[in-house]
Amino acid sequence: MTASQAEKAARRLRQGELIAYPTEAVWGIGCDPFNRQAVLRLLRLKQRSASKGLLLVAAGMDQIGKLLTQLTAAQIATLRASWPGRVTWLVPDPARLYPGWIRGDHSSVAIRVSAHPLVRELCLAFGEPIVSTSANLAGEREIRTIEEMRRQFADTIDYVVEGNLGGHDKPSEIRDLVTGERIR
């Protein structure tokens, strides 16, 4: 992805639009996590309950610095050891830095610092983390080709960031930072 493509996608996000893009293993759909209308549109599109919350993806830990201020040194070391990478962590959000439509019925935020170069460029161009949910209807299998993604979402996605998946066969692992428990 060129810098101009990343900027174009970031502009679309700032305008409240939904974008599709390749991640480490599957096609994702993203939006601005602080734009309530965009998030609600994404949830309707996926037929996903708002109570579940949504995953965010970032280019680096600096993009989530405020969320890290309440963590212990050991918790921060755990994040550093797995990021960038394919582990999504449920990070406590006691100050409610992220809105309820991102957290769902939880007191934590699901976040990952991606190792995928395209995802990182996108987050850098946007200047903060973005929503990153798999491009599929709730309960359906993940989408692994741009053609399949376009067939399913052609009329509902505002912009497609073209590129290749990261070569992994499974979506990211999800773990709870406080308990260490593996969720997925």
N, C-alpha and C. Protein backbone atom coordinates (compact mmCIF):
# COMPACT_ATOMS: atom_id res chain seq x y z
N MET A 1 0.85 -1.17 0.00
CA MET A 1 0.00 0.00 0.00
C MET A 1 0.90 1.23 0.00
N THR A 2 0.55 2.16 -0.85
CA THR A 2 1.32 3.40 -0.88
C THR A 2 0.82 4.34 0.21
N ALA A 3 1.63 5.36 0.48
CA ALA A 3 1.25 6.34 1.50
C ALA A 3 -0.06 7.02 1.11
N SER A 4 -0.24 7.30 -0.18
CA SER A 4 -1.47 7.96 -0.62
C SER A 4 -2.69 7.05 -0.43
N GLN A 5 -2.53 5.73 -0.62
CA GLN A 5 -3.64 4.80 -0.38
C GLN A 5 -3.98 4.76 1.11
N ALA A 6 -2.97 4.75 1.96
CA ALA A 6 -3.20 4.74 3.40
C ALA A 6 -3.90 6.02 3.83
N GLU A 7 -3.49 7.15 3.29
CA GLU A 7 -4.13 8.43 3.61
C GLU A 7 -5.57 8.45 3.12
N LYS A 8 -5.81 7.90 1.93
CA LYS A 8 -7.18 7.86 1.39
C LYS A 8 -8.07 7.01 2.31
N ALA A 9 -7.58 5.86 2.73
CA ALA A 9 -8.35 5.01 3.64
C ALA A 9 -8.58 5.72 4.98
N ALA A 10 -7.56 6.40 5.49
CA ALA A 10 -7.69 7.13 6.76
C ALA A 10 -8.72 8.25 6.63
N ARG A 11 -8.74 8.94 5.50
CA ARG A 11 -9.75 9.99 5.27
C ARG A 11 -11.15 9.39 5.31
N ARG A 12 -11.30 8.23 4.67
CA ARG A 12 -12.61 7.56 4.65
C ARG A 12 -13.03 7.19 6.08
N LEU A 13 -12.09 6.71 6.88
CA LEU A 13 -12.40 6.39 8.28
C LEU A 13 -12.84 7.65 9.03
N ARG A 14 -12.13 8.76 8.83
CA ARG A 14 -12.47 10.02 9.51
C ARG A 14 -13.85 10.53 9.09
N GLN A 15 -14.29 10.16 7.88
CA GLN A 15 -15.60 10.57 7.40
C GLN A 15 -16.72 9.64 7.90
N GLY A 16 -16.35 8.67 8.72
CA GLY A 16 -17.36 7.77 9.28
C GLY A 16 -17.70 6.59 8.38
N GLU A 17 -16.83 6.31 7.44
CA GLU A 17 -17.09 5.21 6.51
C GLU A 17 -16.51 3.90 7.01
N LEU A 18 -16.98 2.81 6.41
CA LEU A 18 -16.48 1.47 6.70
C LEU A 18 -15.49 1.07 5.62
N ILE A 19 -14.38 0.48 6.03
CA ILE A 19 -13.39 0.00 5.08
C ILE A 19 -13.15 -1.48 5.30
N ALA A 20 -12.75 -2.16 4.24
CA ALA A 20 -12.34 -3.56 4.33
C ALA A 20 -10.85 -3.61 4.00
N TYR A 21 -10.14 -4.50 4.68
CA TYR A 21 -8.69 -4.59 4.47
C TYR A 21 -8.20 -5.97 4.90
N PRO A 22 -7.07 -6.41 4.34
CA PRO A 22 -6.51 -7.70 4.73
C PRO A 22 -5.78 -7.60 6.06
N THR A 23 -5.92 -8.65 6.87
CA THR A 23 -5.20 -8.73 8.14
C THR A 23 -4.26 -9.93 8.08
N GLU A 24 -3.80 -10.37 9.24
CA GLU A 24 -2.85 -11.48 9.29
C GLU A 24 -3.43 -12.77 8.70
N ALA A 25 -4.73 -13.01 8.91
CA ALA A 25 -5.30 -14.30 8.49
C ALA A 25 -6.59 -14.18 7.68
N VAL A 26 -7.37 -13.13 7.91
CA VAL A 26 -8.68 -12.99 7.26
C VAL A 26 -8.89 -11.54 6.83
N TRP A 27 -9.92 -11.32 6.02
CA TRP A 27 -10.30 -9.96 5.67
C TRP A 27 -11.01 -9.34 6.85
N GLY A 28 -10.73 -8.07 7.09
CA GLY A 28 -11.34 -7.36 8.19
C GLY A 28 -12.17 -6.19 7.70
N ILE A 29 -13.05 -5.74 8.58
CA ILE A 29 -13.81 -4.52 8.35
C ILE A 29 -13.46 -3.58 9.49
N GLY A 30 -13.21 -2.33 9.16
CA GLY A 30 -12.84 -1.37 10.18
C GLY A 30 -13.59 -0.07 10.08
N CYS A 31 -13.51 0.68 11.18
CA CYS A 31 -14.08 2.02 11.23
C CYS A 31 -13.43 2.76 12.39
N ASP A 32 -13.79 4.02 12.53
CA ASP A 32 -13.31 4.86 13.62
C ASP A 32 -14.01 4.41 14.91
N PRO A 33 -13.27 3.97 15.92
CA PRO A 33 -13.90 3.47 17.14
C PRO A 33 -14.67 4.53 17.93
N PHE A 34 -14.39 5.81 17.67
CA PHE A 34 -15.06 6.88 18.40
C PHE A 34 -16.26 7.45 17.63
N ASN A 35 -16.51 6.92 16.43
CA ASN A 35 -17.66 7.36 15.64
C ASN A 35 -18.81 6.38 15.86
N ARG A 36 -19.72 6.77 16.74
CA ARG A 36 -20.82 5.88 17.14
C ARG A 36 -21.64 5.40 15.95
N GLN A 37 -21.96 6.30 15.02
CA GLN A 37 -22.78 5.91 13.87
C GLN A 37 -22.06 4.87 13.01
N ALA A 38 -20.76 5.05 12.82
CA ALA A 38 -19.99 4.09 12.02
C ALA A 38 -19.97 2.73 12.70
N VAL A 39 -19.75 2.71 14.01
CA VAL A 39 -19.70 1.45 14.75
C VAL A 39 -21.06 0.76 14.72
N LEU A 40 -22.13 1.50 14.93
CA LEU A 40 -23.46 0.90 14.90
C LEU A 40 -23.80 0.37 13.51
N ARG A 41 -23.37 1.08 12.49
CA ARG A 41 -23.57 0.59 11.11
C ARG A 41 -22.81 -0.72 10.88
N LEU A 42 -21.58 -0.78 11.38
CA LEU A 42 -20.78 -2.00 11.26
C LEU A 42 -21.46 -3.17 12.00
N LEU A 43 -21.96 -2.91 13.19
CA LEU A 43 -22.63 -3.97 13.96
C LEU A 43 -23.88 -4.47 13.23
N ARG A 44 -24.64 -3.55 12.64
CA ARG A 44 -25.83 -3.96 11.86
C ARG A 44 -25.41 -4.79 10.65
N LEU A 45 -24.37 -4.34 9.97
CA LEU A 45 -23.87 -5.04 8.79
C LEU A 45 -23.48 -6.48 9.13
N LYS A 46 -22.78 -6.66 10.23
CA LYS A 46 -22.33 -7.98 10.64
C LYS A 46 -23.40 -8.79 11.37
N GLN A 47 -24.49 -8.11 11.72
CA GLN A 47 -25.55 -8.75 12.53
C GLN A 47 -24.95 -9.24 13.85
N ARG A 48 -24.17 -8.35 14.45
CA ARG A 48 -23.44 -8.66 15.68
C ARG A 48 -24.01 -7.85 16.85
N SER A 49 -24.14 -8.47 17.96
CA SER A 49 -24.64 -7.81 19.16
C SER A 49 -23.61 -6.81 19.68
N ALA A 50 -24.08 -5.63 20.04
CA ALA A 50 -23.19 -4.61 20.61
C ALA A 50 -22.65 -5.04 21.96
N SER A 51 -23.32 -5.95 22.63
CA SER A 51 -22.88 -6.38 23.96
C SER A 51 -21.56 -7.14 23.93
N LYS A 52 -21.21 -7.70 22.78
CA LYS A 52 -19.96 -8.47 22.67
C LYS A 52 -18.72 -7.59 22.66
N GLY A 53 -18.87 -6.34 22.25
CA GLY A 53 -17.71 -5.47 22.11
C GLY A 53 -17.00 -5.74 20.80
N LEU A 54 -16.02 -4.90 20.50
CA LEU A 54 -15.27 -5.01 19.25
C LEU A 54 -13.78 -4.93 19.52
N LEU A 55 -13.02 -5.54 18.66
CA LEU A 55 -11.57 -5.56 18.75
C LEU A 55 -11.01 -4.32 18.06
N LEU A 56 -9.95 -3.78 18.62
CA LEU A 56 -9.22 -2.68 18.01
C LEU A 56 -7.84 -3.17 17.60
N VAL A 57 -7.30 -2.55 16.58
CA VAL A 57 -5.95 -2.86 16.14
C VAL A 57 -5.17 -1.55 16.07
N ALA A 58 -3.90 -1.61 16.47
CA ALA A 58 -3.05 -0.42 16.52
C ALA A 58 -1.73 -0.68 15.82
N ALA A 59 -1.03 0.40 15.51
CA ALA A 59 0.28 0.29 14.87
C ALA A 59 1.39 0.09 15.88
N GLY A 60 1.17 0.54 17.10
CA GLY A 60 2.18 0.42 18.15
C GLY A 60 1.59 0.73 19.50
N MET A 61 2.32 0.41 20.54
CA MET A 61 1.83 0.65 21.90
C MET A 61 1.64 2.13 22.19
N ASP A 62 2.38 2.98 21.49
CA ASP A 62 2.22 4.42 21.69
C ASP A 62 0.82 4.89 21.34
N GLN A 63 0.13 4.18 20.44
CA GLN A 63 -1.23 4.57 20.06
C GLN A 63 -2.26 4.26 21.16
N ILE A 64 -1.87 3.47 22.15
CA ILE A 64 -2.80 3.14 23.24
C ILE A 64 -2.19 3.52 24.60
N GLY A 65 -1.29 4.47 24.58
CA GLY A 65 -0.55 4.85 25.78
C GLY A 65 -1.41 5.15 26.99
N LYS A 66 -2.52 5.87 26.81
CA LYS A 66 -3.38 6.22 27.94
C LYS A 66 -3.99 4.97 28.58
N LEU A 67 -4.25 3.96 27.78
CA LEU A 67 -4.83 2.72 28.29
C LEU A 67 -3.82 1.95 29.14
N LEU A 68 -2.53 2.20 28.92
CA LEU A 68 -1.48 1.47 29.62
C LEU A 68 -1.11 2.06 30.97
N THR A 69 -1.56 3.27 31.27
CA THR A 69 -1.13 3.95 32.49
C THR A 69 -1.58 3.24 33.78
N GLN A 70 -2.63 2.45 33.72
CA GLN A 70 -3.13 1.76 34.91
C GLN A 70 -2.57 0.35 35.05
N LEU A 71 -1.72 -0.07 34.12
CA LEU A 71 -1.20 -1.44 34.13
C LEU A 71 0.06 -1.56 34.97
N THR A 72 0.31 -2.76 35.45
CA THR A 72 1.55 -3.04 36.19
C THR A 72 2.71 -3.19 35.21
N ALA A 73 3.91 -3.13 35.73
CA ALA A 73 5.10 -3.33 34.89
C ALA A 73 5.09 -4.72 34.28
N ALA A 74 4.62 -5.71 35.02
CA ALA A 74 4.55 -7.09 34.51
C ALA A 74 3.54 -7.20 33.36
N GLN A 75 2.41 -6.51 33.48
CA GLN A 75 1.41 -6.55 32.41
C GLN A 75 1.94 -5.87 31.14
N ILE A 76 2.63 -4.77 31.30
CA ILE A 76 3.21 -4.08 30.15
C ILE A 76 4.28 -4.96 29.51
N ALA A 77 5.07 -5.65 30.32
CA ALA A 77 6.08 -6.57 29.78
C ALA A 77 5.42 -7.70 29.00
N THR A 78 4.29 -8.17 29.47
CA THR A 78 3.55 -9.22 28.76
C THR A 78 3.11 -8.72 27.39
N LEU A 79 2.58 -7.50 27.33
CA LEU A 79 2.16 -6.93 26.05
C LEU A 79 3.36 -6.77 25.12
N ARG A 80 4.44 -6.23 25.64
CA ARG A 80 5.65 -6.01 24.80
C ARG A 80 6.18 -7.33 24.24
N ALA A 81 6.08 -8.39 25.02
CA ALA A 81 6.60 -9.69 24.59
C ALA A 81 5.78 -10.30 23.44
N SER A 82 4.53 -9.89 23.30
CA SER A 82 3.68 -10.50 22.27
C SER A 82 3.34 -9.56 21.12
N TRP A 83 3.71 -8.30 21.23
CA TRP A 83 3.39 -7.32 20.19
C TRP A 83 4.64 -6.76 19.56
N PRO A 84 4.63 -6.42 18.27
CA PRO A 84 3.51 -6.69 17.38
C PRO A 84 3.37 -8.19 17.15
N GLY A 85 2.14 -8.57 16.96
CA GLY A 85 1.89 -9.99 16.75
C GLY A 85 0.41 -10.32 16.72
N ARG A 86 0.13 -11.61 16.82
CA ARG A 86 -1.22 -12.10 16.60
C ARG A 86 -1.99 -12.37 17.89
N VAL A 87 -1.57 -11.76 18.99
CA VAL A 87 -2.31 -11.93 20.24
C VAL A 87 -3.10 -10.65 20.52
N THR A 88 -4.40 -10.82 20.67
CA THR A 88 -5.28 -9.74 21.08
C THR A 88 -5.45 -9.85 22.58
N TRP A 89 -5.24 -8.76 23.28
CA TRP A 89 -5.35 -8.77 24.74
C TRP A 89 -6.58 -8.01 25.19
N LEU A 90 -7.27 -8.53 26.17
CA LEU A 90 -8.35 -7.81 26.84
C LEU A 90 -7.68 -6.98 27.92
N VAL A 91 -7.59 -5.68 27.67
CA VAL A 91 -6.87 -4.75 28.54
C VAL A 91 -7.89 -3.96 29.36
N PRO A 92 -7.73 -3.95 30.69
CA PRO A 92 -8.66 -3.20 31.54
C PRO A 92 -8.76 -1.73 31.11
N ASP A 93 -9.98 -1.20 31.16
CA ASP A 93 -10.23 0.19 30.81
C ASP A 93 -11.03 0.86 31.93
N PRO A 94 -10.43 0.95 33.15
CA PRO A 94 -11.18 1.48 34.29
C PRO A 94 -11.58 2.94 34.13
N ALA A 95 -10.83 3.71 33.35
CA ALA A 95 -11.15 5.12 33.13
C ALA A 95 -12.16 5.30 32.00
N ARG A 96 -12.57 4.19 31.40
CA ARG A 96 -13.53 4.23 30.28
C ARG A 96 -13.06 5.17 29.17
N LEU A 97 -11.82 4.96 28.75
CA LEU A 97 -11.26 5.74 27.66
C LEU A 97 -11.95 5.42 26.34
N TYR A 98 -12.42 4.18 26.22
CA TYR A 98 -13.11 3.76 25.01
C TYR A 98 -14.61 3.65 25.31
N PRO A 99 -15.43 4.07 24.35
CA PRO A 99 -16.88 4.09 24.59
C PRO A 99 -17.48 2.69 24.74
N GLY A 100 -18.66 2.66 25.33
CA GLY A 100 -19.37 1.40 25.55
C GLY A 100 -19.62 0.63 24.28
N TRP A 101 -19.80 1.30 23.15
CA TRP A 101 -20.02 0.57 21.90
C TRP A 101 -18.77 -0.17 21.45
N ILE A 102 -17.61 0.12 22.02
CA ILE A 102 -16.39 -0.66 21.76
C ILE A 102 -16.23 -1.74 22.83
N ARG A 103 -16.41 -1.39 24.08
CA ARG A 103 -16.24 -2.36 25.18
C ARG A 103 -17.37 -3.38 25.24
N GLY A 104 -18.57 -3.01 24.79
CA GLY A 104 -19.72 -3.89 24.96
C GLY A 104 -20.06 -3.99 26.44
N ASP A 105 -20.38 -5.17 26.89
CA ASP A 105 -20.73 -5.39 28.30
C ASP A 105 -19.50 -5.67 29.17
N HIS A 106 -18.35 -5.24 28.75
CA HIS A 106 -17.10 -5.57 29.42
C HIS A 106 -16.43 -4.33 30.01
N SER A 107 -15.51 -4.54 30.92
CA SER A 107 -14.76 -3.42 31.50
C SER A 107 -13.37 -3.33 30.88
N SER A 108 -13.15 -4.10 29.83
CA SER A 108 -11.85 -4.09 29.15
C SER A 108 -12.04 -3.81 27.67
N VAL A 109 -10.92 -3.54 27.02
CA VAL A 109 -10.89 -3.29 25.58
C VAL A 109 -10.05 -4.39 24.94
N ALA A 110 -10.57 -5.00 23.89
CA ALA A 110 -9.82 -6.01 23.14
C ALA A 110 -8.95 -5.27 22.13
N ILE A 111 -7.63 -5.42 22.26
CA ILE A 111 -6.73 -4.66 21.39
C ILE A 111 -5.51 -5.49 21.01
N ARG A 112 -5.03 -5.23 19.80
CA ARG A 112 -3.85 -5.93 19.28
C ARG A 112 -2.98 -4.91 18.55
N VAL A 113 -1.68 -5.04 18.73
CA VAL A 113 -0.74 -4.29 17.91
C VAL A 113 -0.34 -5.25 16.79
N SER A 114 -0.73 -4.90 15.60
CA SER A 114 -0.57 -5.79 14.45
C SER A 114 0.87 -5.81 13.93
N ALA A 115 1.24 -6.97 13.39
CA ALA A 115 2.52 -7.11 12.71
C ALA A 115 2.34 -6.99 11.20
N HIS A 116 1.09 -6.92 10.74
CA HIS A 116 0.81 -6.84 9.30
C HIS A 116 1.18 -5.43 8.81
N PRO A 117 2.09 -5.31 7.85
CA PRO A 117 2.55 -3.99 7.43
C PRO A 117 1.43 -3.08 6.93
N LEU A 118 0.47 -3.61 6.22
CA LEU A 118 -0.62 -2.80 5.70
C LEU A 118 -1.50 -2.27 6.83
N VAL A 119 -1.80 -3.11 7.80
CA VAL A 119 -2.62 -2.70 8.94
C VAL A 119 -1.88 -1.62 9.74
N ARG A 120 -0.60 -1.80 9.91
CA ARG A 120 0.19 -0.80 10.65
C ARG A 120 0.20 0.54 9.91
N GLU A 121 0.39 0.51 8.58
CA GLU A 121 0.37 1.74 7.79
C GLU A 121 -0.98 2.44 7.91
N LEU A 122 -2.04 1.66 7.87
CA LEU A 122 -3.38 2.20 7.97
C LEU A 122 -3.59 2.89 9.33
N CYS A 123 -3.19 2.23 10.40
CA CYS A 123 -3.33 2.82 11.73
C CYS A 123 -2.45 4.06 11.90
N LEU A 124 -1.25 4.03 11.33
CA LEU A 124 -0.38 5.21 11.40
C LEU A 124 -0.99 6.38 10.65
N ALA A 125 -1.55 6.12 9.46
CA ALA A 125 -2.18 7.19 8.68
C ALA A 125 -3.41 7.74 9.41
N PHE A 126 -4.16 6.88 10.08
CA PHE A 126 -5.34 7.31 10.82
C PHE A 126 -4.95 8.02 12.12
N GLY A 127 -3.80 7.65 12.68
CA GLY A 127 -3.30 8.31 13.87
C GLY A 127 -3.73 7.70 15.18
N GLU A 128 -4.48 6.63 15.14
CA GLU A 128 -4.92 5.93 16.35
C GLU A 128 -5.45 4.56 15.95
N PRO A 129 -5.78 3.73 16.93
CA PRO A 129 -6.31 2.40 16.61
C PRO A 129 -7.63 2.49 15.84
N ILE A 130 -7.92 1.43 15.10
CA ILE A 130 -9.19 1.34 14.40
C ILE A 130 -9.89 0.05 14.81
N VAL A 131 -11.19 0.02 14.61
CA VAL A 131 -11.96 -1.20 14.82
C VAL A 131 -11.47 -2.22 13.80
N SER A 132 -11.31 -3.45 14.23
CA SER A 132 -10.89 -4.52 13.33
C SER A 132 -11.70 -5.77 13.66
N THR A 133 -12.72 -6.00 12.86
CA THR A 133 -13.55 -7.19 13.04
C THR A 133 -13.53 -7.98 11.75
N SER A 134 -13.66 -9.28 11.84
CA SER A 134 -13.59 -10.10 10.63
C SER A 134 -14.75 -9.77 9.69
N ALA A 135 -14.45 -9.80 8.40
CA ALA A 135 -15.43 -9.48 7.37
C ALA A 135 -16.31 -10.71 7.12
N ASN A 136 -17.25 -10.89 8.01
CA ASN A 136 -18.21 -11.98 7.87
C ASN A 136 -19.43 -11.64 8.71
N LEU A 137 -20.53 -12.30 8.43
CA LEU A 137 -21.70 -12.13 9.28
C LEU A 137 -21.44 -12.90 10.57
N ALA A 138 -22.03 -12.43 11.67
CA ALA A 138 -21.84 -13.08 12.97
C ALA A 138 -22.18 -14.57 12.85
N GLY A 139 -21.25 -15.39 13.33
CA GLY A 139 -21.46 -16.83 13.32
C GLY A 139 -21.07 -17.54 12.03
N GLU A 140 -20.79 -16.78 10.98
CA GLU A 140 -20.38 -17.37 9.70
C GLU A 140 -18.86 -17.49 9.64
N ARG A 141 -18.37 -18.25 8.68
CA ARG A 141 -16.92 -18.44 8.56
C ARG A 141 -16.25 -17.16 8.06
N GLU A 142 -14.97 -17.05 8.40
CA GLU A 142 -14.19 -15.87 8.01
C GLU A 142 -13.97 -15.85 6.50
N ILE A 143 -13.76 -14.67 5.99
CA ILE A 143 -13.52 -14.48 4.55
C ILE A 143 -12.02 -14.36 4.31
N ARG A 144 -11.54 -15.13 3.35
CA ARG A 144 -10.09 -15.19 3.11
C ARG A 144 -9.66 -14.69 1.73
N THR A 145 -10.62 -14.30 0.88
CA THR A 145 -10.24 -13.76 -0.43
C THR A 145 -10.95 -12.44 -0.66
N ILE A 146 -10.31 -11.57 -1.43
CA ILE A 146 -10.91 -10.28 -1.74
C ILE A 146 -12.18 -10.47 -2.57
N GLU A 147 -12.18 -11.49 -3.43
CA GLU A 147 -13.35 -11.75 -4.27
C GLU A 147 -14.55 -12.13 -3.41
N GLU A 148 -14.34 -13.00 -2.45
CA GLU A 148 -15.43 -13.41 -1.56
C GLU A 148 -15.91 -12.23 -0.72
N MET A 149 -14.98 -11.41 -0.26
CA MET A 149 -15.36 -10.25 0.53
C MET A 149 -16.21 -9.29 -0.30
N ARG A 150 -15.80 -9.07 -1.53
CA ARG A 150 -16.56 -8.16 -2.40
C ARG A 150 -17.94 -8.72 -2.72
N ARG A 151 -18.04 -10.03 -2.94
CA ARG A 151 -19.35 -10.64 -3.21
C ARG A 151 -20.30 -10.42 -2.03
N GLN A 152 -19.80 -10.61 -0.84
CA GLN A 152 -20.67 -10.52 0.34
C GLN A 152 -20.97 -9.08 0.75
N PHE A 153 -20.01 -8.17 0.56
CA PHE A 153 -20.16 -6.82 1.09
C PHE A 153 -20.06 -5.71 0.05
N ALA A 154 -20.19 -6.04 -1.21
CA ALA A 154 -19.99 -5.07 -2.29
C ALA A 154 -20.81 -3.79 -2.13
N ASP A 155 -22.04 -3.93 -1.69
CA ASP A 155 -22.92 -2.76 -1.60
C ASP A 155 -22.87 -2.08 -0.24
N THR A 156 -22.09 -2.58 0.69
CA THR A 156 -22.16 -2.07 2.05
C THR A 156 -20.83 -1.54 2.60
N ILE A 157 -19.74 -1.87 1.96
CA ILE A 157 -18.42 -1.36 2.37
C ILE A 157 -18.11 -0.14 1.51
N ASP A 158 -17.61 0.92 2.14
CA ASP A 158 -17.36 2.17 1.41
C ASP A 158 -16.03 2.18 0.67
N TYR A 159 -15.05 1.44 1.19
CA TYR A 159 -13.72 1.48 0.59
C TYR A 159 -12.99 0.17 0.88
N VAL A 160 -12.30 -0.35 -0.14
CA VAL A 160 -11.53 -1.59 0.02
C VAL A 160 -10.05 -1.26 -0.14
N VAL A 161 -9.27 -1.62 0.88
CA VAL A 161 -7.82 -1.48 0.83
C VAL A 161 -7.29 -2.80 0.27
N GLU A 162 -6.77 -2.75 -0.92
CA GLU A 162 -6.30 -3.97 -1.54
C GLU A 162 -4.94 -4.37 -0.99
N GLY A 163 -4.74 -5.68 -0.89
CA GLY A 163 -3.48 -6.20 -0.38
C GLY A 163 -3.62 -7.68 -0.09
N ASN A 164 -2.57 -8.24 0.46
CA ASN A 164 -2.55 -9.67 0.74
C ASN A 164 -2.71 -9.95 2.22
N LEU A 165 -3.32 -11.09 2.51
CA LEU A 165 -3.39 -11.54 3.89
C LEU A 165 -1.98 -11.84 4.38
N GLY A 166 -1.82 -11.90 5.68
CA GLY A 166 -0.50 -12.09 6.28
C GLY A 166 0.01 -13.52 6.30
N GLY A 167 -0.72 -14.47 5.74
CA GLY A 167 -0.22 -15.83 5.62
C GLY A 167 -0.53 -16.75 6.78
N HIS A 168 -1.32 -16.31 7.74
CA HIS A 168 -1.69 -17.17 8.86
C HIS A 168 -3.03 -17.83 8.59
N ASP A 169 -3.23 -19.01 9.16
CA ASP A 169 -4.46 -19.75 8.88
C ASP A 169 -5.57 -19.53 9.89
N LYS A 170 -5.29 -18.89 11.01
CA LYS A 170 -6.31 -18.65 12.04
C LYS A 170 -6.28 -17.20 12.48
N PRO A 171 -7.46 -16.66 12.86
CA PRO A 171 -7.49 -15.30 13.41
C PRO A 171 -6.68 -15.21 14.69
N SER A 172 -6.49 -14.01 15.16
CA SER A 172 -5.65 -13.80 16.35
C SER A 172 -6.20 -14.53 17.57
N GLU A 173 -5.28 -14.88 18.43
CA GLU A 173 -5.62 -15.46 19.73
C GLU A 173 -6.09 -14.31 20.62
N ILE A 174 -7.07 -14.57 21.48
CA ILE A 174 -7.54 -13.55 22.42
C ILE A 174 -7.27 -14.04 23.83
N ARG A 175 -6.60 -13.17 24.63
CA ARG A 175 -6.25 -13.52 26.02
C ARG A 175 -6.63 -12.37 26.95
N ASP A 176 -6.93 -12.72 28.17
CA ASP A 176 -7.24 -11.74 29.20
C ASP A 176 -5.93 -11.33 29.88
N LEU A 177 -5.62 -10.04 29.87
CA LEU A 177 -4.35 -9.57 30.44
C LEU A 177 -4.30 -9.75 31.95
N VAL A 178 -5.42 -9.66 32.63
CA VAL A 178 -5.43 -9.76 34.09
C VAL A 178 -5.28 -11.21 34.54
N THR A 179 -6.03 -12.13 33.92
CA THR A 179 -6.02 -13.53 34.36
C THR A 179 -5.07 -14.41 33.56
N GLY A 180 -4.70 -13.95 32.36
CA GLY A 180 -3.87 -14.78 31.48
C GLY A 180 -4.68 -15.81 30.71
N GLU A 181 -5.97 -15.91 31.01
CA GLU A 181 -6.83 -16.92 30.40
C GLU A 181 -6.93 -16.72 28.89
N ARG A 182 -6.89 -17.84 28.17
CA ARG A 182 -7.06 -17.81 26.71
C ARG A 182 -8.56 -17.87 26.42
N ILE A 183 -9.06 -16.88 25.72
CA ILE A 183 -10.48 -16.77 25.39
C ILE A 183 -10.76 -17.44 24.04
N ARG A 184 -9.86 -17.21 23.08
CA ARG A 184 -9.99 -17.83 21.74
C ARG A 184 -8.60 -18.18 21.26
